[in-house]
Amino acid sequence: MHIAIFQSACSGLSSAEKIERLDHYIYEYSGDKHFDLDLVVCPELFVTGYNVGDELIEKAEPARGASFSAMSKLCQKLNTALVYGYSEVYEDHLFNSAAFINNEGDLIANHRKQLNSPGSFEEKYFTPGSSSTMVEYGGFKISVLICYEIEFPESSRKAALSGAQLIVVPTALVSKWDVVASKIVPTRAFENGLWLAYANHAGEENGLDYLGGSKIVGPDGAIIADAGKEEKLITASINTDEIAQARNRLPYLRDFSKF
């Protein structure tokens, strides 16, 4: 499977403009490659904006709202699946959510962030989700986590034990937490023998300085692609053979239960 991360620097743009920017990057990459990207992962609250205050309420949408419709058309046009963050309104609650749309434009998963990031504005706005998310796509079992959730060993271990071969993580990581992107994220892939796609913002948003540092990590913990600090689309080809090799070499998933 050929996957990508769109590390966006879209502060100040409307939801429609952000989707148009995403379309441009995918088309620029894929146009002469017969649209061979199977999955593209975007950051946390991509279409809404993250550090935008009450716009999280004003721009909130149902799971199948206007942004979904636009993203669904994009998936069909480019023959790719998309994972993207948005502010979801459901009944009387807001959720920090990530939608997973397949290449036919269908919503096949909608993950609601279960843990608000500590010391942030998230607790003011968002109700925590109540369940984990696993979906099958492109021959892979894929778990969806959002930002802070990947920082717990238990979340990725639970996903791995449930069969996950790839974890996708929309995030909004600021510069002071470089240790998360540079150390913790590769460790989560390594200790579970799986692929991991960590999709962050770049640039600045209303005084918040994003780290960038989006990356695709292999089952051996090796960083296959890194976006650095700027807006960028990064890609990698992933396969299940390397998962089997990593887990045979270091059978953590088999042996941890002995403790």
C-alpha atoms as a PDB file:
ATOM      1  CA  MET A   1       0.000   0.000   0.000  1.00  0.00           C
ATOM      2  CA  HIS A   2       1.236   3.477  -0.895  1.00  0.00           C
ATOM      3  CA  ILE A   3       0.466   5.999   1.856  1.00  0.00           C
ATOM      4  CA  ALA A   4       1.056   9.717   2.323  1.00  0.00           C
ATOM      5  CA  ILE A   5       0.874  12.440   4.955  1.00  0.00           C
ATOM      6  CA  PHE A   6      -0.137  16.006   4.157  1.00  0.00           C
ATOM      7  CA  GLN A   7       1.673  18.234   6.658  1.00  0.00           C
ATOM      8  CA  SER A   8      -0.357  21.398   6.207  1.00  0.00           C
ATOM      9  CA  ALA A   9       0.352  25.046   6.984  1.00  0.00           C
ATOM     10  CA  CYS A  10      -3.153  26.332   6.386  1.00  0.00           C
ATOM     11  CA  SER A  11      -3.751  28.813   9.207  1.00  0.00           C
ATOM     12  CA  GLY A  12      -6.304  31.431   8.227  1.00  0.00           C
ATOM     13  CA  LEU A  13      -7.745  29.475   5.319  1.00  0.00           C
ATOM     14  CA  SER A  14     -11.361  28.392   5.097  1.00  0.00           C
ATOM     15  CA  SER A  15     -12.280  24.717   5.174  1.00  0.00           C
ATOM     16  CA  ALA A  16     -12.882  24.802   1.425  1.00  0.00           C
ATOM     17  CA  GLU A  17      -9.492  26.427   0.807  1.00  0.00           C
ATOM     18  CA  LYS A  18      -7.746  23.787   2.912  1.00  0.00           C
ATOM     19  CA  ILE A  19      -9.386  20.991   0.946  1.00  0.00           C
ATOM     20  CA  GLU A  20      -8.389  22.730  -2.289  1.00  0.00           C
ATOM     21  CA  ARG A  21      -4.786  22.928  -1.031  1.00  0.00           C
ATOM     22  CA  LEU A  22      -4.863  19.220  -0.204  1.00  0.00           C
ATOM     23  CA  ASP A  23      -6.223  18.469  -3.677  1.00  0.00           C
ATOM     24  CA  HIS A  24      -3.359  20.462  -5.209  1.00  0.00           C
ATOM     25  CA  TYR A  25      -0.667  18.589  -3.297  1.00  0.00           C
ATOM     26  CA  ILE A  26      -2.096  15.160  -4.076  1.00  0.00           C
ATOM     27  CA  TYR A  27      -2.596  16.052  -7.731  1.00  0.00           C
ATOM     28  CA  GLU A  28       0.920  17.502  -8.032  1.00  0.00           C
ATOM     29  CA  TYR A  29       2.339  14.272  -6.639  1.00  0.00           C
ATOM     30  CA  SER A  30       0.026  11.779  -8.288  1.00  0.00           C
ATOM     31  CA  GLY A  31      -0.903  13.382 -11.588  1.00  0.00           C
ATOM     32  CA  ASP A  32       1.893  11.736 -13.552  1.00  0.00           C
ATOM     33  CA  LYS A  33       1.862   8.575 -11.436  1.00  0.00           C
ATOM     34  CA  HIS A  34      -1.656   7.421 -12.319  1.00  0.00           C
ATOM     35  CA  PHE A  35      -2.981   8.443  -8.880  1.00  0.00           C
ATOM     36  CA  ASP A  36      -1.236   5.645  -7.033  1.00  0.00           C
ATOM     37  CA  LEU A  37      -1.701   6.953  -3.477  1.00  0.00           C
ATOM     38  CA  ASP A  38      -3.905   4.535  -1.546  1.00  0.00           C
ATOM     39  CA  LEU A  39      -4.243   6.562   1.664  1.00  0.00           C
ATOM     40  CA  VAL A  40      -3.504  10.165   2.679  1.00  0.00           C
ATOM     41  CA  VAL A  41      -3.510  11.245   6.339  1.00  0.00           C
ATOM     42  CA  CYS A  42      -4.127  14.876   7.363  1.00  0.00           C
ATOM     43  CA  PRO A  43      -3.580  16.579  10.754  1.00  0.00           C
ATOM     44  CA  GLU A  44      -5.843  16.874  13.779  1.00  0.00           C
ATOM     45  CA  LEU A  45      -8.780  19.252  13.236  1.00  0.00           C
ATOM     46  CA  PHE A  46      -7.493  19.826   9.704  1.00  0.00           C
ATOM     47  CA  VAL A  47     -10.631  21.290   8.132  1.00  0.00           C
ATOM     48  CA  THR A  48     -11.682  23.274  11.220  1.00  0.00           C
ATOM     49  CA  GLY A  49      -8.383  24.573  12.507  1.00  0.00           C
ATOM     50  CA  TYR A  50      -6.976  23.641  15.909  1.00  0.00           C
ATOM     51  CA  ASN A  51      -6.103  26.808  17.835  1.00  0.00           C
ATOM     52  CA  VAL A  52      -9.132  28.759  16.641  1.00  0.00           C
ATOM     53  CA  GLY A  53     -11.201  29.281  19.791  1.00  0.00           C
ATOM     54  CA  ASP A  54     -14.960  29.397  19.323  1.00  0.00           C
ATOM     55  CA  GLU A  55     -14.597  28.604  15.630  1.00  0.00           C
ATOM     56  CA  LEU A  56     -14.437  25.012  16.859  1.00  0.00           C
ATOM     57  CA  ILE A  57     -18.131  25.477  17.651  1.00  0.00           C
ATOM     58  CA  GLU A  58     -19.031  27.695  14.703  1.00  0.00           C
ATOM     59  CA  LYS A  59     -17.379  25.418  12.124  1.00  0.00           C
ATOM     60  CA  ALA A  60     -18.420  22.121  13.709  1.00  0.00           C
ATOM     61  CA  GLU A  61     -20.153  19.688  11.364  1.00  0.00           C
ATOM     62  CA  PRO A  62     -21.886  16.326  11.566  1.00  0.00           C
ATOM     63  CA  ALA A  63     -19.842  13.361  10.382  1.00  0.00           C
ATOM     64  CA  ARG A  64     -21.475  13.564   6.959  1.00  0.00           C
ATOM     65  CA  GLY A  65     -21.507  17.342   6.680  1.00  0.00           C
ATOM     66  CA  ALA A  66     -20.204  19.740   4.048  1.00  0.00           C
ATOM     67  CA  SER A  67     -16.531  18.903   4.561  1.00  0.00           C
ATOM     68  CA  PHE A  68     -17.292  15.208   4.300  1.00  0.00           C
ATOM     69  CA  SER A  69     -19.086  15.808   1.004  1.00  0.00           C
ATOM     70  CA  ALA A  70     -16.096  17.711  -0.388  1.00  0.00           C
ATOM     71  CA  MET A  71     -13.603  15.138   0.875  1.00  0.00           C
ATOM     72  CA  SER A  72     -15.734  12.290  -0.464  1.00  0.00           C
ATOM     73  CA  LYS A  73     -15.683  13.810  -3.948  1.00  0.00           C
ATOM     74  CA  LEU A  74     -11.919  14.290  -3.662  1.00  0.00           C
ATOM     75  CA  CYS A  75     -11.426  10.636  -2.737  1.00  0.00           C
ATOM     76  CA  GLN A  76     -13.393   9.517  -5.775  1.00  0.00           C
ATOM     77  CA  LYS A  77     -11.636  11.981  -8.071  1.00  0.00           C
ATOM     78  CA  LEU A  78      -8.131  10.958  -6.969  1.00  0.00           C
ATOM     79  CA  ASN A  79      -8.927   7.298  -6.212  1.00  0.00           C
ATOM     80  CA  THR A  80      -7.485   7.552  -2.720  1.00  0.00           C
ATOM     81  CA  ALA A  81      -8.668   7.183   0.874  1.00  0.00           C
ATOM     82  CA  LEU A  82      -8.403  10.111   3.293  1.00  0.00           C
ATOM     83  CA  VAL A  83      -8.145  10.456   7.058  1.00  0.00           C
ATOM     84  CA  TYR A  84      -8.693  14.003   8.313  1.00  0.00           C
ATOM     85  CA  GLY A  85      -9.487  15.761  11.571  1.00  0.00           C
ATOM     86  CA  TYR A  86     -12.525  17.964  12.134  1.00  0.00           C
ATOM     87  CA  SER A  87     -14.777  19.319  14.880  1.00  0.00           C
ATOM     88  CA  GLU A  88     -17.821  17.051  14.957  1.00  0.00           C
ATOM     89  CA  VAL A  89     -21.207  18.070  16.312  1.00  0.00           C
ATOM     90  CA  TYR A  90     -23.504  15.262  17.406  1.00  0.00           C
ATOM     91  CA  GLU A  91     -26.686  16.011  19.356  1.00  0.00           C
ATOM     92  CA  ASP A  92     -25.543  18.407  22.105  1.00  0.00           C
ATOM     93  CA  HIS A  93     -21.862  17.442  22.036  1.00  0.00           C
ATOM     94  CA  LEU A  94     -18.694  18.402  20.207  1.00  0.00           C
ATOM     95  CA  PHE A  95     -16.065  15.768  19.472  1.00  0.00           C
ATOM     96  CA  ASN A  96     -12.489  16.068  18.270  1.00  0.00           C
ATOM     97  CA  SER A  97     -12.888  13.549  15.466  1.00  0.00           C
ATOM     98  CA  ALA A  98     -11.033  11.956  12.578  1.00  0.00           C
ATOM     99  CA  ALA A  99     -12.991  10.699   9.584  1.00  0.00           C
ATOM    100  CA  PHE A 100     -11.773   7.827   7.392  1.00  0.00           C
ATOM    101  CA  ILE A 101     -13.184   7.915   3.841  1.00  0.00           C
ATOM    102  CA  ASN A 102     -12.331   5.172   1.349  1.00  0.00           C
ATOM    103  CA  ASN A 103     -11.471   5.670  -2.319  1.00  0.00           C
ATOM    104  CA  GLU A 104     -15.126   5.239  -3.281  1.00  0.00           C
ATOM    105  CA  GLY A 105     -16.104   8.182  -1.090  1.00  0.00           C
ATOM    106  CA  ASP A 106     -17.697   6.174   1.723  1.00  0.00           C
ATOM    107  CA  LEU A 107     -17.228   7.020   5.400  1.00  0.00           C
ATOM    108  CA  ILE A 108     -15.876   3.755   6.814  1.00  0.00           C
ATOM    109  CA  ALA A 109     -14.787   4.990  10.261  1.00  0.00           C
ATOM    110  CA  ASN A 110     -15.137   8.032  12.494  1.00  0.00           C
ATOM    111  CA  HIS A 111     -12.823   8.130  15.509  1.00  0.00           C
ATOM    112  CA  ARG A 112     -13.629  10.451  18.413  1.00  0.00           C
ATOM    113  CA  LYS A 113     -10.619  11.418  20.505  1.00  0.00           C
ATOM    114  CA  GLN A 114     -10.924   9.705  23.882  1.00  0.00           C
ATOM    115  CA  LEU A 115      -8.386  11.788  25.805  1.00  0.00           C
ATOM    116  CA  ASN A 116      -8.241  15.567  25.660  1.00  0.00           C
ATOM    117  CA  SER A 117      -4.694  16.903  25.708  1.00  0.00           C
ATOM    118  CA  PRO A 118      -3.846  18.112  29.249  1.00  0.00           C
ATOM    119  CA  GLY A 119      -3.401  21.820  29.872  1.00  0.00           C
ATOM    120  CA  SER A 120      -5.067  22.745  26.585  1.00  0.00           C
ATOM    121  CA  PHE A 121      -8.357  24.343  25.570  1.00  0.00           C
ATOM    122  CA  GLU A 122      -9.713  20.965  24.464  1.00  0.00           C
ATOM    123  CA  GLU A 123     -11.526  20.236  27.725  1.00  0.00           C
ATOM    124  CA  LYS A 124     -13.500  23.461  27.290  1.00  0.00           C
ATOM    125  CA  TYR A 125     -14.928  22.340  23.967  1.00  0.00           C
ATOM    126  CA  PHE A 126     -14.776  18.603  23.440  1.00  0.00           C
ATOM    127  CA  THR A 127     -16.554  15.626  24.940  1.00  0.00           C
ATOM    128  CA  PRO A 128     -14.209  12.608  25.066  1.00  0.00           C
ATOM    129  CA  GLY A 129     -15.012   9.721  22.762  1.00  0.00           C
ATOM    130  CA  SER A 130     -15.850   6.350  24.260  1.00  0.00           C
ATOM    131  CA  SER A 131     -14.308   3.718  21.987  1.00  0.00           C
ATOM    132  CA  SER A 132     -11.259   2.811  19.953  1.00  0.00           C
ATOM    133  CA  THR A 133     -11.356   2.560  16.167  1.00  0.00           C
ATOM    134  CA  MET A 134     -10.161  -0.187  13.838  1.00  0.00           C
ATOM    135  CA  VAL A 135     -10.910  -0.504  10.132  1.00  0.00           C
ATOM    136  CA  GLU A 136      -9.779  -2.740   7.287  1.00  0.00           C
ATOM    137  CA  TYR A 137      -8.617  -1.034   4.127  1.00  0.00           C
ATOM    138  CA  GLY A 138      -6.149  -1.799   1.358  1.00  0.00           C
ATOM    139  CA  GLY A 139      -5.259  -5.180   2.811  1.00  0.00           C
ATOM    140  CA  PHE A 140      -4.324  -3.653   6.181  1.00  0.00           C
ATOM    141  CA  LYS A 141      -5.978  -3.497   9.575  1.00  0.00           C
ATOM    142  CA  ILE A 142      -5.718   0.163  10.514  1.00  0.00           C
ATOM    143  CA  SER A 143      -6.162   1.795  13.922  1.00  0.00           C
ATOM    144  CA  VAL A 144      -6.938   5.511  14.242  1.00  0.00           C
ATOM    145  CA  LEU A 145      -5.599   7.495  17.195  1.00  0.00           C
ATOM    146  CA  ILE A 146      -5.510  11.270  17.661  1.00  0.00           C
ATOM    147  CA  CYS A 147      -2.519  13.202  19.045  1.00  0.00           C
ATOM    148  CA  TYR A 148      -2.220  12.620  22.828  1.00  0.00           C
ATOM    149  CA  GLU A 149      -3.628   9.095  22.504  1.00  0.00           C
ATOM    150  CA  ILE A 150      -0.461   7.765  20.822  1.00  0.00           C
ATOM    151  CA  GLU A 151       1.666   8.950  23.753  1.00  0.00           C
ATOM    152  CA  PHE A 152       0.390   6.090  25.910  1.00  0.00           C
ATOM    153  CA  PRO A 153       2.039   2.689  25.357  1.00  0.00           C
ATOM    154  CA  GLU A 154      -1.283   1.063  26.185  1.00  0.00           C
ATOM    155  CA  SER A 155      -3.169   2.566  23.233  1.00  0.00           C
ATOM    156  CA  SER A 156      -0.857   1.253  20.528  1.00  0.00           C
ATOM    157  CA  ARG A 157      -0.404  -2.062  22.344  1.00  0.00           C
ATOM    158  CA  LYS A 158      -4.188  -2.492  22.512  1.00  0.00           C
ATOM    159  CA  ALA A 159      -4.388  -1.744  18.799  1.00  0.00           C
ATOM    160  CA  ALA A 160      -1.610  -4.208  17.980  1.00  0.00           C
ATOM    161  CA  LEU A 161      -3.211  -6.958  20.051  1.00  0.00           C
ATOM    162  CA  SER A 162      -6.459  -6.307  18.183  1.00  0.00           C
ATOM    163  CA  GLY A 163      -4.648  -6.926  14.914  1.00  0.00           C
ATOM    164  CA  ALA A 164      -3.526  -3.442  13.841  1.00  0.00           C
ATOM    165  CA  GLN A 165      -0.798  -3.363  11.208  1.00  0.00           C
ATOM    166  CA  LEU A 166      -0.884   0.398  10.679  1.00  0.00           C
ATOM    167  CA  ILE A 167      -1.737   3.197  13.104  1.00  0.00           C
ATOM    168  CA  VAL A 168      -2.651   6.582  11.638  1.00  0.00           C
ATOM    169  CA  VAL A 169      -2.381   9.578  13.962  1.00  0.00           C
ATOM    170  CA  PRO A 170      -3.692  13.034  13.081  1.00  0.00           C
ATOM    171  CA  THR A 171      -2.027  15.412  15.554  1.00  0.00           C
ATOM    172  CA  ALA A 172      -1.456  19.071  16.480  1.00  0.00           C
ATOM    173  CA  LEU A 173       1.948  18.938  18.166  1.00  0.00           C
ATOM    174  CA  VAL A 174       3.705  22.158  19.167  1.00  0.00           C
ATOM    175  CA  SER A 175       7.444  22.758  18.959  1.00  0.00           C
ATOM    176  CA  LYS A 176       8.252  22.269  22.643  1.00  0.00           C
ATOM    177  CA  TRP A 177       7.130  18.624  22.462  1.00  0.00           C
ATOM    178  CA  ASP A 178       9.653  17.489  19.868  1.00  0.00           C
ATOM    179  CA  VAL A 179      10.386  14.453  22.051  1.00  0.00           C
ATOM    180  CA  VAL A 180       6.992  13.023  21.114  1.00  0.00           C
ATOM    181  CA  ALA A 181       7.639  13.077  17.375  1.00  0.00           C
ATOM    182  CA  SER A 182      11.336  12.221  17.509  1.00  0.00           C
ATOM    183  CA  LYS A 183      11.338   9.564  20.260  1.00  0.00           C
ATOM    184  CA  ILE A 184       7.904   8.374  21.365  1.00  0.00           C
ATOM    185  CA  VAL A 185       6.308   7.888  17.952  1.00  0.00           C
ATOM    186  CA  PRO A 186       9.135   5.722  16.521  1.00  0.00           C
ATOM    187  CA  THR A 187       9.147   3.745  19.771  1.00  0.00           C
ATOM    188  CA  ARG A 188       5.414   2.976  19.460  1.00  0.00           C
ATOM    189  CA  ALA A 189       6.022   1.498  16.001  1.00  0.00           C
ATOM    190  CA  PHE A 190       9.097  -0.424  17.169  1.00  0.00           C
ATOM    191  CA  GLU A 191       7.637  -1.948  20.320  1.00  0.00           C
ATOM    192  CA  ASN A 192       4.558  -3.211  18.469  1.00  0.00           C
ATOM    193  CA  GLY A 193       6.119  -4.121  15.134  1.00  0.00           C
ATOM    194  CA  LEU A 194       3.732  -2.063  13.004  1.00  0.00           C
ATOM    195  CA  TRP A 195       3.643   0.886  10.613  1.00  0.00           C
ATOM    196  CA  LEU A 196       2.780   4.331  11.953  1.00  0.00           C
ATOM    197  CA  ALA A 197       1.778   7.514  10.103  1.00  0.00           C
ATOM    198  CA  TYR A 198       1.965  10.634  12.297  1.00  0.00           C
ATOM    199  CA  ALA A 199       0.409  13.695  10.604  1.00  0.00           C
ATOM    200  CA  ASN A 200       1.082  17.118  12.130  1.00  0.00           C
ATOM    201  CA  HIS A 201       0.540  20.750  11.192  1.00  0.00           C
ATOM    202  CA  ALA A 202       3.351  23.087  10.165  1.00  0.00           C
ATOM    203  CA  GLY A 203       3.778  26.817  10.682  1.00  0.00           C
ATOM    204  CA  GLU A 204       1.929  29.001  13.176  1.00  0.00           C
ATOM    205  CA  GLU A 205      -1.723  29.340  14.113  1.00  0.00           C
ATOM    206  CA  ASN A 206      -2.865  32.231  16.295  1.00  0.00           C
ATOM    207  CA  GLY A 207       0.352  32.215  18.320  1.00  0.00           C
ATOM    208  CA  LEU A 208       0.731  28.431  18.440  1.00  0.00           C
ATOM    209  CA  ASP A 209       3.986  27.239  16.859  1.00  0.00           C
ATOM    210  CA  TYR A 210       3.615  23.776  15.359  1.00  0.00           C
ATOM    211  CA  LEU A 211       6.561  21.413  15.283  1.00  0.00           C
ATOM    212  CA  GLY A 212       5.963  19.883  11.876  1.00  0.00           C
ATOM    213  CA  GLY A 213       7.905  16.629  12.059  1.00  0.00           C
ATOM    214  CA  SER A 214       5.218  14.480  10.468  1.00  0.00           C
ATOM    215  CA  LYS A 215       6.633  11.061   9.755  1.00  0.00           C
ATOM    216  CA  ILE A 216       6.028   7.558   8.479  1.00  0.00           C
ATOM    217  CA  VAL A 217       7.729   4.950  10.667  1.00  0.00           C
ATOM    218  CA  GLY A 218       8.426   1.319   9.851  1.00  0.00           C
ATOM    219  CA  PRO A 219       7.815  -1.747  12.065  1.00  0.00           C
ATOM    220  CA  ASP A 220      11.496  -1.717  13.032  1.00  0.00           C
ATOM    221  CA  GLY A 221      11.233   1.875  14.298  1.00  0.00           C
ATOM    222  CA  ALA A 222      13.085   3.321  11.311  1.00  0.00           C
ATOM    223  CA  ILE A 223      11.835   6.675  10.028  1.00  0.00           C
ATOM    224  CA  ILE A 224      10.950   6.093   6.374  1.00  0.00           C
ATOM    225  CA  ALA A 225       9.831   9.652   5.587  1.00  0.00           C
ATOM    226  CA  ASP A 226       9.957  12.922   7.570  1.00  0.00           C
ATOM    227  CA  ALA A 227       8.328  16.204   6.560  1.00  0.00           C
ATOM    228  CA  GLY A 228      10.635  18.533   8.481  1.00  0.00           C
ATOM    229  CA  LYS A 229       9.253  21.982   9.343  1.00  0.00           C
ATOM    230  CA  GLU A 230       7.506  23.108   6.154  1.00  0.00           C
ATOM    231  CA  GLU A 231       4.234  22.296   4.435  1.00  0.00           C
ATOM    232  CA  LYS A 232       4.832  19.093   2.522  1.00  0.00           C
ATOM    233  CA  LEU A 233       3.393  15.820   1.241  1.00  0.00           C
ATOM    234  CA  ILE A 234       5.498  12.805   2.216  1.00  0.00           C
ATOM    235  CA  THR A 235       4.978   9.253   0.994  1.00  0.00           C
ATOM    236  CA  ALA A 236       6.052   5.668   1.599  1.00  0.00           C
ATOM    237  CA  SER A 237       5.213   2.204   0.342  1.00  0.00           C
ATOM    238  CA  ILE A 238       4.304  -0.179   3.151  1.00  0.00           C
ATOM    239  CA  ASN A 239       3.751  -3.938   3.262  1.00  0.00           C
ATOM    240  CA  THR A 240       2.833  -6.670   5.710  1.00  0.00           C
ATOM    241  CA  ASP A 241       6.024  -8.679   5.141  1.00  0.00           C
ATOM    242  CA  GLU A 242       8.086  -6.192   7.150  1.00  0.00           C
ATOM    243  CA  ILE A 243       5.607  -6.477  10.011  1.00  0.00           C
ATOM    244  CA  ALA A 244       6.085 -10.237  10.167  1.00  0.00           C
ATOM    245  CA  GLN A 245       9.856  -9.844  10.016  1.00  0.00           C
ATOM    246  CA  ALA A 246       9.900  -7.299  12.844  1.00  0.00           C
ATOM    247  CA  ARG A 247       7.626  -9.367  15.077  1.00  0.00           C
ATOM    248  CA  ASN A 248       9.596 -12.549  14.460  1.00  0.00           C
ATOM    249  CA  ARG A 249      12.855 -10.786  15.228  1.00  0.00           C
ATOM    250  CA  LEU A 250      11.554  -9.216  18.451  1.00  0.00           C
ATOM    251  CA  PRO A 251       8.382 -11.015  19.635  1.00  0.00           C
ATOM    252  CA  TYR A 252       7.246  -8.348  22.090  1.00  0.00           C
ATOM    253  CA  LEU A 253       3.565  -9.038  21.436  1.00  0.00           C
ATOM    254  CA  ARG A 254       4.062 -12.682  22.353  1.00  0.00           C
ATOM    255  CA  ASP A 255       6.314 -12.246  25.360  1.00  0.00           C
ATOM    256  CA  PHE A 256       4.985  -9.182  27.208  1.00  0.00           C
ATOM    257  CA  SER A 257       2.183 -11.228  28.792  1.00  0.00           C
ATOM    258  CA  LYS A 258       4.742 -13.084  30.894  1.00  0.00           C
ATOM    259  CA  PHE A 259       5.263 -10.061  33.113  1.00  0.00           C
END
